[in-house]
Amino acid sequence: MRRGEPARDRTWLPELRAAIWCTGGLFTLMLLVDLANGTLDPWRALCWTAVALVLFVVLYPPRVTAGEHWLASRGPVRTRTVRTDLLVLVRRSDGVAPRLVLRDAVGGRVELDPKVLTANPLLWHRLEQGVRRSRERGLLRCGAVPMQALADRIDHDGARAVFEVSGLA
């Protein structure tokens, strides 16, 4: 990657393919069941199409990109961007799907899955640079704990990968 070129999520395309396959498979199954029962008509086909589209929107993975001093998450409806050099909040939201919440001084807010950062060292590097700059400016006063936990996880995964490749694991 050249300097100035945005870092992209390498896992996005396989996740998008999985969402398409799941949606297509369910849509096909619903149509085949209706067809086998002899109950398929244009209105039911339209209903199953709507259900499949809603499922696709739910399963659609956000596309995360990061450049110098910014990070963006693009979903099926809109794109959210945050200035990483102006961060005022970094927190981890636990639940069914853990999220890392980033908020900047100009009102930008991004929520993303921490797995995206662990799977993409370039995205992590860009975010870490911005967090460091925000701390230097005195903007980011809380958020050290989730960032350190994420850094430890990324270091652990990286070390494990190196050991596995070298045959030492």
N, C-alpha and C. Protein backbone atom coordinates (compact mmCIF):
# COMPACT_ATOMS: atom_id res chain seq x y z
N MET A 1 0.83 -1.17 0.00
CA MET A 1 0.00 0.00 0.00
C MET A 1 0.88 1.25 0.00
N ARG A 2 0.58 2.14 -0.90
CA ARG A 2 1.32 3.39 -0.98
C ARG A 2 0.83 4.39 0.05
N ARG A 3 1.72 5.28 0.43
CA ARG A 3 1.35 6.32 1.40
C ARG A 3 0.24 7.17 0.81
N GLY A 4 -0.75 7.45 1.62
CA GLY A 4 -1.88 8.25 1.17
C GLY A 4 -3.03 7.41 0.63
N GLU A 5 -2.77 6.17 0.27
CA GLU A 5 -3.82 5.30 -0.23
C GLU A 5 -4.61 4.73 0.95
N PRO A 6 -5.94 4.71 0.87
CA PRO A 6 -6.71 4.22 2.02
C PRO A 6 -6.55 2.71 2.23
N ALA A 7 -6.57 2.31 3.49
CA ALA A 7 -6.55 0.90 3.85
C ALA A 7 -7.98 0.38 3.79
N ARG A 8 -8.15 -0.83 3.27
CA ARG A 8 -9.48 -1.41 3.12
C ARG A 8 -9.59 -2.72 3.88
N ASP A 9 -10.82 -3.05 4.26
CA ASP A 9 -11.12 -4.29 4.95
C ASP A 9 -10.99 -5.46 3.97
N ARG A 10 -10.04 -6.37 4.26
CA ARG A 10 -9.81 -7.51 3.37
C ARG A 10 -10.87 -8.58 3.52
N THR A 11 -11.64 -8.57 4.60
CA THR A 11 -12.65 -9.60 4.82
C THR A 11 -14.03 -9.20 4.30
N TRP A 12 -14.16 -7.99 3.76
CA TRP A 12 -15.46 -7.51 3.33
C TRP A 12 -16.06 -8.32 2.18
N LEU A 13 -15.28 -8.60 1.16
CA LEU A 13 -15.81 -9.29 -0.01
C LEU A 13 -16.29 -10.71 0.33
N PRO A 14 -15.53 -11.51 1.08
CA PRO A 14 -16.07 -12.83 1.46
C PRO A 14 -17.34 -12.73 2.31
N GLU A 15 -17.42 -11.73 3.18
CA GLU A 15 -18.63 -11.56 3.98
C GLU A 15 -19.81 -11.14 3.10
N LEU A 16 -19.55 -10.31 2.09
CA LEU A 16 -20.61 -9.91 1.16
C LEU A 16 -21.10 -11.12 0.37
N ARG A 17 -20.17 -11.96 -0.08
CA ARG A 17 -20.56 -13.18 -0.80
C ARG A 17 -21.42 -14.08 0.08
N ALA A 18 -21.05 -14.22 1.34
CA ALA A 18 -21.84 -15.04 2.27
C ALA A 18 -23.24 -14.47 2.44
N ALA A 19 -23.36 -13.14 2.53
CA ALA A 19 -24.68 -12.51 2.65
C ALA A 19 -25.52 -12.77 1.40
N ILE A 20 -24.90 -12.69 0.24
CA ILE A 20 -25.62 -12.94 -1.01
C ILE A 20 -26.07 -14.39 -1.08
N TRP A 21 -25.18 -15.32 -0.74
CA TRP A 21 -25.54 -16.74 -0.78
C TRP A 21 -26.65 -17.08 0.20
N CYS A 22 -26.58 -16.55 1.42
CA CYS A 22 -27.64 -16.80 2.41
C CYS A 22 -28.98 -16.25 1.95
N THR A 23 -28.95 -15.02 1.45
CA THR A 23 -30.18 -14.40 0.98
C THR A 23 -30.74 -15.15 -0.22
N GLY A 24 -29.89 -15.45 -1.18
CA GLY A 24 -30.33 -16.18 -2.37
C GLY A 24 -30.85 -17.57 -2.04
N GLY A 25 -30.17 -18.25 -1.12
CA GLY A 25 -30.60 -19.60 -0.73
C GLY A 25 -31.95 -19.58 -0.05
N LEU A 26 -32.17 -18.65 0.86
CA LEU A 26 -33.47 -18.56 1.54
C LEU A 26 -34.56 -18.18 0.56
N PHE A 27 -34.28 -17.23 -0.33
CA PHE A 27 -35.26 -16.81 -1.32
C PHE A 27 -35.67 -17.98 -2.22
N THR A 28 -34.68 -18.73 -2.68
CA THR A 28 -34.94 -19.89 -3.52
C THR A 28 -35.76 -20.93 -2.77
N LEU A 29 -35.39 -21.19 -1.53
CA LEU A 29 -36.11 -22.17 -0.72
C LEU A 29 -37.56 -21.75 -0.51
N MET A 30 -37.80 -20.48 -0.21
CA MET A 30 -39.17 -20.00 -0.01
C MET A 30 -39.99 -20.15 -1.29
N LEU A 31 -39.39 -19.83 -2.43
CA LEU A 31 -40.12 -19.97 -3.70
C LEU A 31 -40.40 -21.43 -4.02
N LEU A 32 -39.42 -22.31 -3.77
CA LEU A 32 -39.62 -23.74 -4.06
C LEU A 32 -40.69 -24.36 -3.17
N VAL A 33 -40.72 -23.99 -1.91
CA VAL A 33 -41.75 -24.52 -1.01
C VAL A 33 -43.13 -24.06 -1.46
N ASP A 34 -43.24 -22.78 -1.80
CA ASP A 34 -44.52 -22.27 -2.30
C ASP A 34 -44.92 -22.95 -3.61
N LEU A 35 -43.95 -23.14 -4.48
CA LEU A 35 -44.21 -23.79 -5.77
C LEU A 35 -44.64 -25.24 -5.56
N ALA A 36 -43.99 -25.96 -4.65
CA ALA A 36 -44.34 -27.36 -4.37
C ALA A 36 -45.74 -27.48 -3.77
N ASN A 37 -46.15 -26.49 -2.99
CA ASN A 37 -47.50 -26.51 -2.40
C ASN A 37 -48.56 -25.98 -3.35
N GLY A 38 -48.14 -25.43 -4.48
CA GLY A 38 -49.08 -24.88 -5.45
C GLY A 38 -49.68 -23.56 -5.01
N THR A 39 -48.99 -22.86 -4.11
CA THR A 39 -49.52 -21.60 -3.58
C THR A 39 -48.76 -20.37 -4.08
N LEU A 40 -47.86 -20.56 -5.02
CA LEU A 40 -47.06 -19.44 -5.51
C LEU A 40 -47.89 -18.60 -6.47
N ASP A 41 -48.01 -17.35 -6.17
CA ASP A 41 -48.66 -16.39 -7.06
C ASP A 41 -47.81 -15.11 -7.05
N PRO A 42 -48.12 -14.14 -7.90
CA PRO A 42 -47.29 -12.94 -7.96
C PRO A 42 -47.16 -12.19 -6.63
N TRP A 43 -48.23 -12.12 -5.84
CA TRP A 43 -48.17 -11.41 -4.57
C TRP A 43 -47.26 -12.11 -3.58
N ARG A 44 -47.32 -13.43 -3.53
CA ARG A 44 -46.45 -14.19 -2.61
C ARG A 44 -45.00 -14.08 -3.07
N ALA A 45 -44.77 -14.11 -4.37
CA ALA A 45 -43.40 -13.94 -4.89
C ALA A 45 -42.86 -12.56 -4.52
N LEU A 46 -43.72 -11.54 -4.59
CA LEU A 46 -43.33 -10.19 -4.20
C LEU A 46 -43.02 -10.13 -2.70
N CYS A 47 -43.82 -10.82 -1.92
CA CYS A 47 -43.59 -10.87 -0.46
C CYS A 47 -42.25 -11.53 -0.16
N TRP A 48 -41.98 -12.66 -0.80
CA TRP A 48 -40.70 -13.36 -0.56
C TRP A 48 -39.52 -12.52 -1.04
N THR A 49 -39.72 -11.76 -2.10
CA THR A 49 -38.66 -10.87 -2.57
C THR A 49 -38.38 -9.79 -1.53
N ALA A 50 -39.43 -9.24 -0.95
CA ALA A 50 -39.26 -8.21 0.08
C ALA A 50 -38.55 -8.79 1.31
N VAL A 51 -38.93 -10.00 1.71
CA VAL A 51 -38.28 -10.65 2.86
C VAL A 51 -36.79 -10.86 2.56
N ALA A 52 -36.48 -11.31 1.35
CA ALA A 52 -35.08 -11.55 0.96
C ALA A 52 -34.29 -10.24 0.95
N LEU A 53 -34.89 -9.17 0.47
CA LEU A 53 -34.20 -7.87 0.45
C LEU A 53 -33.94 -7.36 1.86
N VAL A 54 -34.90 -7.52 2.76
CA VAL A 54 -34.70 -7.10 4.15
C VAL A 54 -33.58 -7.93 4.78
N LEU A 55 -33.58 -9.23 4.53
CA LEU A 55 -32.52 -10.09 5.06
C LEU A 55 -31.16 -9.66 4.52
N PHE A 56 -31.08 -9.32 3.24
CA PHE A 56 -29.82 -8.88 2.66
C PHE A 56 -29.32 -7.59 3.32
N VAL A 57 -30.23 -6.65 3.56
CA VAL A 57 -29.84 -5.39 4.20
C VAL A 57 -29.32 -5.66 5.62
N VAL A 58 -29.93 -6.61 6.32
CA VAL A 58 -29.48 -6.95 7.67
C VAL A 58 -28.12 -7.63 7.64
N LEU A 59 -27.90 -8.50 6.68
CA LEU A 59 -26.65 -9.26 6.61
C LEU A 59 -25.52 -8.51 5.91
N TYR A 60 -25.83 -7.42 5.21
CA TYR A 60 -24.83 -6.68 4.45
C TYR A 60 -23.72 -6.20 5.39
N PRO A 61 -22.47 -6.59 5.13
CA PRO A 61 -21.38 -6.18 6.02
C PRO A 61 -20.94 -4.74 5.72
N PRO A 62 -20.70 -3.95 6.76
CA PRO A 62 -20.21 -2.60 6.50
C PRO A 62 -18.79 -2.65 5.93
N ARG A 63 -18.51 -1.78 4.98
CA ARG A 63 -17.18 -1.73 4.37
C ARG A 63 -16.37 -0.65 5.08
N VAL A 64 -15.33 -1.09 5.77
CA VAL A 64 -14.51 -0.18 6.56
C VAL A 64 -13.26 0.19 5.78
N THR A 65 -13.01 1.49 5.68
CA THR A 65 -11.79 1.99 5.06
C THR A 65 -11.20 3.05 5.98
N ALA A 66 -9.89 3.23 5.86
CA ALA A 66 -9.22 4.23 6.69
C ALA A 66 -8.11 4.88 5.89
N GLY A 67 -7.98 6.16 6.07
CA GLY A 67 -6.90 6.91 5.46
C GLY A 67 -6.15 7.67 6.53
N GLU A 68 -5.37 8.63 6.09
CA GLU A 68 -4.62 9.42 7.05
C GLU A 68 -5.59 10.34 7.79
N HIS A 69 -5.80 10.07 9.07
CA HIS A 69 -6.63 10.86 9.97
C HIS A 69 -8.14 10.67 9.78
N TRP A 70 -8.59 9.59 9.14
CA TRP A 70 -10.01 9.33 9.03
C TRP A 70 -10.28 7.83 8.96
N LEU A 71 -11.50 7.47 9.36
CA LEU A 71 -11.96 6.09 9.25
C LEU A 71 -13.43 6.15 8.86
N ALA A 72 -13.83 5.33 7.91
CA ALA A 72 -15.21 5.34 7.41
C ALA A 72 -15.78 3.93 7.41
N SER A 73 -17.07 3.85 7.67
CA SER A 73 -17.81 2.60 7.63
C SER A 73 -19.01 2.83 6.73
N ARG A 74 -19.02 2.12 5.58
CA ARG A 74 -20.10 2.30 4.61
C ARG A 74 -21.05 1.12 4.67
N GLY A 75 -22.30 1.38 5.00
CA GLY A 75 -23.32 0.35 5.05
C GLY A 75 -24.18 0.40 3.81
N PRO A 76 -25.28 -0.34 3.80
CA PRO A 76 -26.13 -0.35 2.61
C PRO A 76 -26.90 0.95 2.41
N VAL A 77 -27.07 1.74 3.48
CA VAL A 77 -27.86 2.96 3.39
C VAL A 77 -27.00 4.21 3.40
N ARG A 78 -26.01 4.26 4.32
CA ARG A 78 -25.20 5.47 4.41
C ARG A 78 -23.78 5.17 4.87
N THR A 79 -22.95 6.19 4.75
CA THR A 79 -21.56 6.10 5.17
C THR A 79 -21.36 6.97 6.39
N ARG A 80 -20.67 6.41 7.38
CA ARG A 80 -20.34 7.17 8.59
C ARG A 80 -18.82 7.34 8.62
N THR A 81 -18.39 8.56 8.93
CA THR A 81 -16.97 8.88 8.94
C THR A 81 -16.60 9.53 10.26
N VAL A 82 -15.38 9.25 10.71
CA VAL A 82 -14.87 9.85 11.93
C VAL A 82 -13.45 10.31 11.66
N ARG A 83 -13.09 11.45 12.23
CA ARG A 83 -11.72 11.95 12.14
C ARG A 83 -10.94 11.31 13.29
N THR A 84 -9.99 10.46 12.97
CA THR A 84 -9.25 9.75 14.02
C THR A 84 -8.27 10.65 14.75
N ASP A 85 -7.88 11.76 14.13
CA ASP A 85 -6.98 12.68 14.82
C ASP A 85 -7.72 13.65 15.73
N LEU A 86 -9.06 13.60 15.72
CA LEU A 86 -9.88 14.45 16.57
C LEU A 86 -10.81 13.64 17.46
N LEU A 87 -10.42 12.42 17.80
CA LEU A 87 -11.27 11.55 18.61
C LEU A 87 -11.42 12.10 20.02
N VAL A 88 -12.64 12.05 20.54
CA VAL A 88 -12.90 12.44 21.92
C VAL A 88 -13.40 11.25 22.74
N LEU A 89 -13.83 10.17 22.07
CA LEU A 89 -14.35 9.01 22.78
C LEU A 89 -14.02 7.73 22.02
N VAL A 90 -13.52 6.76 22.75
CA VAL A 90 -13.36 5.40 22.25
C VAL A 90 -13.88 4.50 23.35
N ARG A 91 -14.91 3.73 23.04
CA ARG A 91 -15.42 2.80 24.04
C ARG A 91 -15.84 1.51 23.37
N ARG A 92 -15.86 0.47 24.17
CA ARG A 92 -16.27 -0.83 23.69
C ARG A 92 -17.69 -1.08 24.19
N SER A 93 -18.57 -1.41 23.28
CA SER A 93 -19.95 -1.72 23.60
C SER A 93 -20.11 -3.23 23.50
N ASP A 94 -20.26 -3.89 24.65
CA ASP A 94 -20.41 -5.34 24.65
C ASP A 94 -21.88 -5.70 24.52
N GLY A 95 -22.10 -6.89 24.06
CA GLY A 95 -23.45 -7.39 23.87
C GLY A 95 -23.38 -8.61 23.00
N VAL A 96 -24.44 -8.86 22.27
CA VAL A 96 -24.46 -10.01 21.36
C VAL A 96 -23.35 -9.87 20.32
N ALA A 97 -23.21 -8.67 19.78
CA ALA A 97 -22.15 -8.38 18.82
C ALA A 97 -21.33 -7.22 19.38
N PRO A 98 -20.12 -7.48 19.90
CA PRO A 98 -19.32 -6.39 20.45
C PRO A 98 -18.99 -5.34 19.38
N ARG A 99 -18.97 -4.10 19.80
CA ARG A 99 -18.71 -2.99 18.91
C ARG A 99 -17.70 -2.05 19.53
N LEU A 100 -16.89 -1.43 18.69
CA LEU A 100 -16.00 -0.37 19.10
C LEU A 100 -16.64 0.93 18.61
N VAL A 101 -16.92 1.84 19.54
CA VAL A 101 -17.58 3.10 19.22
C VAL A 101 -16.54 4.20 19.22
N LEU A 102 -16.45 4.92 18.11
CA LEU A 102 -15.51 6.03 17.96
C LEU A 102 -16.32 7.31 17.73
N ARG A 103 -15.98 8.37 18.47
CA ARG A 103 -16.66 9.65 18.30
C ARG A 103 -15.61 10.75 18.22
N ASP A 104 -15.78 11.69 17.28
CA ASP A 104 -14.80 12.76 17.13
C ASP A 104 -15.37 14.11 17.58
N ALA A 105 -14.52 15.11 17.59
CA ALA A 105 -14.88 16.43 18.09
C ALA A 105 -15.84 17.18 17.17
N VAL A 106 -15.95 16.78 15.92
CA VAL A 106 -16.83 17.48 14.98
C VAL A 106 -18.17 16.77 14.79
N GLY A 107 -18.45 15.77 15.64
CA GLY A 107 -19.74 15.09 15.60
C GLY A 107 -19.79 13.79 14.84
N GLY A 108 -18.68 13.37 14.29
CA GLY A 108 -18.66 12.09 13.57
C GLY A 108 -18.70 10.93 14.54
N ARG A 109 -19.38 9.86 14.14
CA ARG A 109 -19.50 8.67 15.00
C ARG A 109 -19.49 7.43 14.12
N VAL A 110 -18.66 6.46 14.50
CA VAL A 110 -18.58 5.19 13.78
C VAL A 110 -18.61 4.07 14.80
N GLU A 111 -19.40 3.05 14.49
CA GLU A 111 -19.40 1.81 15.27
C GLU A 111 -18.90 0.72 14.34
N LEU A 112 -17.95 -0.08 14.85
CA LEU A 112 -17.45 -1.17 14.03
C LEU A 112 -17.11 -2.38 14.88
N ASP A 113 -17.09 -3.51 14.23
CA ASP A 113 -16.76 -4.77 14.89
C ASP A 113 -15.25 -4.79 15.11
N PRO A 114 -14.78 -5.04 16.34
CA PRO A 114 -13.33 -5.08 16.57
C PRO A 114 -12.62 -6.15 15.74
N LYS A 115 -13.35 -7.17 15.30
CA LYS A 115 -12.74 -8.22 14.47
C LYS A 115 -12.22 -7.65 13.15
N VAL A 116 -12.85 -6.58 12.67
CA VAL A 116 -12.39 -5.95 11.43
C VAL A 116 -10.97 -5.43 11.61
N LEU A 117 -10.71 -4.85 12.78
CA LEU A 117 -9.37 -4.31 13.05
C LEU A 117 -8.35 -5.42 13.30
N THR A 118 -8.77 -6.50 13.97
CA THR A 118 -7.82 -7.60 14.22
C THR A 118 -7.48 -8.33 12.93
N ALA A 119 -8.41 -8.35 11.98
CA ALA A 119 -8.16 -9.04 10.71
C ALA A 119 -7.44 -8.17 9.69
N ASN A 120 -7.33 -6.87 9.95
CA ASN A 120 -6.74 -5.94 9.00
C ASN A 120 -5.72 -5.04 9.69
N PRO A 121 -4.48 -5.46 9.74
CA PRO A 121 -3.46 -4.66 10.44
C PRO A 121 -3.30 -3.24 9.89
N LEU A 122 -3.52 -3.04 8.61
CA LEU A 122 -3.38 -1.68 8.05
C LEU A 122 -4.47 -0.75 8.58
N LEU A 123 -5.70 -1.27 8.71
CA LEU A 123 -6.76 -0.45 9.30
C LEU A 123 -6.43 -0.13 10.75
N TRP A 124 -5.93 -1.13 11.48
CA TRP A 124 -5.56 -0.92 12.88
C TRP A 124 -4.46 0.13 12.99
N HIS A 125 -3.47 0.04 12.12
CA HIS A 125 -2.36 1.00 12.15
C HIS A 125 -2.86 2.42 11.94
N ARG A 126 -3.75 2.62 10.96
CA ARG A 126 -4.28 3.96 10.70
C ARG A 126 -5.08 4.47 11.90
N LEU A 127 -5.88 3.60 12.52
CA LEU A 127 -6.64 4.02 13.69
C LEU A 127 -5.71 4.34 14.86
N GLU A 128 -4.71 3.52 15.06
CA GLU A 128 -3.78 3.73 16.17
C GLU A 128 -3.02 5.06 16.02
N GLN A 129 -2.64 5.38 14.79
CA GLN A 129 -1.97 6.66 14.54
C GLN A 129 -2.87 7.83 14.93
N GLY A 130 -4.14 7.75 14.54
CA GLY A 130 -5.08 8.81 14.86
C GLY A 130 -5.34 8.92 16.35
N VAL A 131 -5.45 7.78 17.03
CA VAL A 131 -5.67 7.78 18.48
C VAL A 131 -4.47 8.42 19.18
N ARG A 132 -3.28 8.08 18.74
CA ARG A 132 -2.08 8.67 19.32
C ARG A 132 -2.07 10.19 19.14
N ARG A 133 -2.46 10.64 17.97
CA ARG A 133 -2.49 12.08 17.70
C ARG A 133 -3.56 12.78 18.54
N SER A 134 -4.72 12.13 18.72
CA SER A 134 -5.78 12.70 19.56
C SER A 134 -5.34 12.82 21.00
N ARG A 135 -4.59 11.82 21.48
CA ARG A 135 -4.08 11.89 22.86
C ARG A 135 -3.08 13.03 23.01
N GLU A 136 -2.20 13.18 22.00
CA GLU A 136 -1.20 14.25 22.05
C GLU A 136 -1.88 15.63 22.10
N ARG A 137 -2.99 15.78 21.41
CA ARG A 137 -3.72 17.05 21.40
C ARG A 137 -4.56 17.25 22.66
N GLY A 138 -4.69 16.21 23.47
CA GLY A 138 -5.47 16.30 24.69
C GLY A 138 -6.96 16.13 24.49
N LEU A 139 -7.37 15.67 23.32
CA LEU A 139 -8.79 15.48 23.03
C LEU A 139 -9.33 14.18 23.59
N LEU A 140 -8.56 13.12 23.46
CA LEU A 140 -9.00 11.79 23.88
C LEU A 140 -8.55 11.54 25.32
N ARG A 141 -9.48 11.66 26.23
CA ARG A 141 -9.14 11.48 27.64
C ARG A 141 -9.56 10.12 28.16
N CYS A 142 -10.56 9.51 27.55
CA CYS A 142 -10.96 8.16 27.94
C CYS A 142 -10.93 7.28 26.69
N GLY A 143 -10.66 6.03 26.89
CA GLY A 143 -10.58 5.12 25.76
C GLY A 143 -9.30 4.33 25.74
N ALA A 144 -8.45 4.53 26.74
CA ALA A 144 -7.18 3.81 26.77
C ALA A 144 -7.40 2.32 27.00
N VAL A 145 -8.36 1.97 27.83
CA VAL A 145 -8.59 0.56 28.18
C VAL A 145 -9.05 -0.25 26.96
N PRO A 146 -10.09 0.20 26.22
CA PRO A 146 -10.48 -0.60 25.05
C PRO A 146 -9.41 -0.64 23.97
N MET A 147 -8.68 0.45 23.80
CA MET A 147 -7.62 0.46 22.78
C MET A 147 -6.48 -0.48 23.18
N GLN A 148 -6.12 -0.50 24.46
CA GLN A 148 -5.05 -1.38 24.92
C GLN A 148 -5.47 -2.84 24.81
N ALA A 149 -6.73 -3.14 25.16
CA ALA A 149 -7.24 -4.51 25.03
C ALA A 149 -7.22 -4.96 23.57
N LEU A 150 -7.60 -4.07 22.68
CA LEU A 150 -7.58 -4.39 21.25
C LEU A 150 -6.15 -4.55 20.75
N ALA A 151 -5.24 -3.69 21.21
CA ALA A 151 -3.83 -3.80 20.81
C ALA A 151 -3.25 -5.13 21.30
N ASP A 152 -3.57 -5.52 22.52
CA ASP A 152 -3.09 -6.80 23.05
C ASP A 152 -3.62 -7.96 22.21
N ARG A 153 -4.89 -7.88 21.83
CA ARG A 153 -5.50 -8.94 21.02
C ARG A 153 -4.83 -9.03 19.65
N ILE A 154 -4.58 -7.90 19.03
CA ILE A 154 -3.94 -7.88 17.71
C ILE A 154 -2.52 -8.40 17.81
N ASP A 155 -1.78 -7.98 18.84
CA ASP A 155 -0.41 -8.49 19.03
C ASP A 155 -0.41 -9.99 19.26
N HIS A 156 -1.36 -10.47 20.06
CA HIS A 156 -1.45 -11.91 20.33
C HIS A 156 -1.75 -12.70 19.06
N ASP A 157 -2.73 -12.22 18.27
CA ASP A 157 -3.07 -12.89 17.02
C ASP A 157 -1.91 -12.86 16.03
N GLY A 158 -1.21 -11.72 15.98
CA GLY A 158 -0.06 -11.61 15.07
C GLY A 158 1.06 -12.54 15.47
N ALA A 159 1.35 -12.62 16.76
CA ALA A 159 2.40 -13.52 17.24
C ALA A 159 2.02 -14.97 16.96
N ARG A 160 0.77 -15.32 17.20
CA ARG A 160 0.30 -16.69 16.94
C ARG A 160 0.46 -17.05 15.46
N ALA A 161 0.11 -16.10 14.59
CA ALA A 161 0.24 -16.35 13.14
C ALA A 161 1.68 -16.57 12.74
N VAL A 162 2.59 -15.77 13.32
CA VAL A 162 4.01 -15.93 13.02
C VAL A 162 4.50 -17.30 13.48
N PHE A 163 4.12 -17.70 14.68
CA PHE A 163 4.53 -19.01 15.20
C PHE A 163 3.97 -20.16 14.37
N GLU A 164 2.72 -20.03 13.93
CA GLU A 164 2.12 -21.09 13.12
C GLU A 164 2.82 -21.20 11.77
N VAL A 165 3.11 -20.06 11.14
CA VAL A 165 3.78 -20.08 9.84
C VAL A 165 5.20 -20.66 9.96
N SER A 166 5.87 -20.34 11.07
CA SER A 166 7.24 -20.83 11.25
C SER A 166 7.30 -22.25 11.78
N GLY A 167 6.14 -22.81 12.13
CA GLY A 167 6.12 -24.19 12.63
C GLY A 167 6.47 -24.32 14.09
N LEU A 168 6.46 -23.24 14.87
CA LEU A 168 6.81 -23.28 16.28
C LEU A 168 5.60 -23.43 17.19
N ALA A 169 4.41 -23.33 16.64
CA ALA A 169 3.19 -23.40 17.48
C ALA A 169 2.85 -24.82 17.84
